[in-house]
Amino acid sequence: MAIGAEDYIDQLLVKKYAEEKVDNHDNMESMVDPEKMMGAMNDYASMYRNMMTLKQRLNIACYAINARTARYTKTRPR
């Protein structure tokens, strides 16, 4: 898969819009405070990391309990 204009119409569109500015971030004011957004993202990442650690510990504990309470029986060969 190639990147860029493949046919004549696409080439004309690229030439037409090459100089156009689409997003002008200098003149825009954000509706969300960046510090609050970063704080929320940090809180979410911290919670996710804690949940992953808790899940791993719970899996280890469940595995140990299942291994300790397992009862093995011999079966007759067929």
Protein backbone atom coordinates (compact mmCIF):
# COMPACT_ATOMS: atom_id res chain seq x y z
CA MET A 1 0.00 0.00 0.00
CA ALA A 2 1.53 3.24 -1.15
CA ILE A 3 1.28 6.56 0.59
CA GLY A 4 0.41 9.61 -1.48
CA ALA A 5 -1.67 10.51 -4.48
CA GLU A 6 -2.15 7.64 -6.89
CA ASP A 7 -4.29 9.13 -9.63
CA TYR A 8 -4.60 12.52 -11.33
CA ILE A 9 -7.53 13.77 -9.20
CA ASP A 10 -5.70 12.96 -5.99
CA GLN A 11 -2.61 14.78 -7.26
CA LEU A 12 -4.69 17.87 -8.03
CA LEU A 13 -6.26 17.77 -4.57
CA VAL A 14 -2.83 17.49 -2.96
CA LYS A 15 -1.61 20.53 -4.89
CA LYS A 16 -4.75 22.51 -4.02
CA TYR A 17 -4.67 21.84 -0.28
CA ALA A 18 -0.89 21.75 0.22
CA GLU A 19 -0.76 25.31 1.52
CA GLU A 20 -4.01 25.26 3.51
CA LYS A 21 -3.87 25.40 7.29
CA VAL A 22 -6.33 23.01 8.86
CA ASP A 23 -5.63 23.26 12.58
CA ASN A 24 -4.37 26.49 14.06
CA HIS A 25 -3.61 25.57 17.65
CA ASP A 26 -2.13 28.95 18.50
CA ASN A 27 -5.52 30.68 18.38
CA MET A 28 -7.52 27.97 20.11
CA GLU A 29 -8.27 27.81 23.80
CA SER A 30 -8.69 24.40 25.31
CA MET A 31 -11.96 23.64 27.08
CA VAL A 32 -10.11 21.27 29.43
CA ASP A 33 -7.39 22.35 31.83
CA PRO A 34 -4.25 20.43 30.82
CA GLU A 35 -3.12 20.01 34.43
CA LYS A 36 -6.46 18.48 35.42
CA MET A 37 -6.37 16.21 32.37
CA MET A 38 -2.87 14.99 33.18
CA GLY A 39 -3.89 14.46 36.81
CA ALA A 40 -6.90 12.41 35.74
CA MET A 41 -4.79 10.35 33.33
CA ASN A 42 -2.20 9.76 36.06
CA ASP A 43 -4.92 8.68 38.51
CA TYR A 44 -6.38 6.29 35.93
CA ALA A 45 -2.97 4.79 35.14
CA SER A 46 -2.18 4.39 38.83
CA MET A 47 -5.51 2.67 39.49
CA TYR A 48 -5.03 0.35 36.51
CA ARG A 49 -1.53 -0.56 37.70
CA ASN A 50 -2.86 -1.28 41.20
CA MET A 51 -5.68 -3.43 39.80
CA MET A 52 -3.21 -5.42 37.70
CA THR A 53 -1.03 -6.03 40.77
CA LEU A 54 -4.08 -7.05 42.80
CA LYS A 55 -5.23 -9.41 40.06
CA GLN A 56 -1.79 -11.02 39.90
CA ARG A 57 -1.70 -11.52 43.68
CA LEU A 58 -5.23 -12.92 43.66
CA ASN A 59 -4.32 -15.37 40.89
CA ILE A 60 -1.29 -16.55 42.87
CA ALA A 61 -3.38 -16.98 46.03
CA CYS A 62 -6.13 -18.87 44.20
CA TYR A 63 -3.60 -21.11 42.51
CA ALA A 64 -1.99 -21.91 45.88
CA ILE A 65 -5.37 -22.67 47.49
CA ASN A 66 -6.43 -24.90 44.60
CA ALA A 67 -3.10 -26.74 44.65
CA ARG A 68 -3.30 -27.25 48.41
CA THR A 69 -6.88 -28.56 48.41
CA ALA A 70 -6.61 -30.72 45.30
CA ARG A 71 -7.30 -34.41 45.80
CA TYR A 72 -5.70 -36.78 43.41
CA THR A 73 -7.11 -40.23 42.76
CA LYS A 74 -5.65 -43.10 40.85
CA THR A 75 -7.56 -44.31 37.86
CA ARG A 76 -7.47 -47.80 36.46
CA PRO A 77 -5.74 -48.23 33.12
CA ARG A 78 -8.12 -49.30 30.38
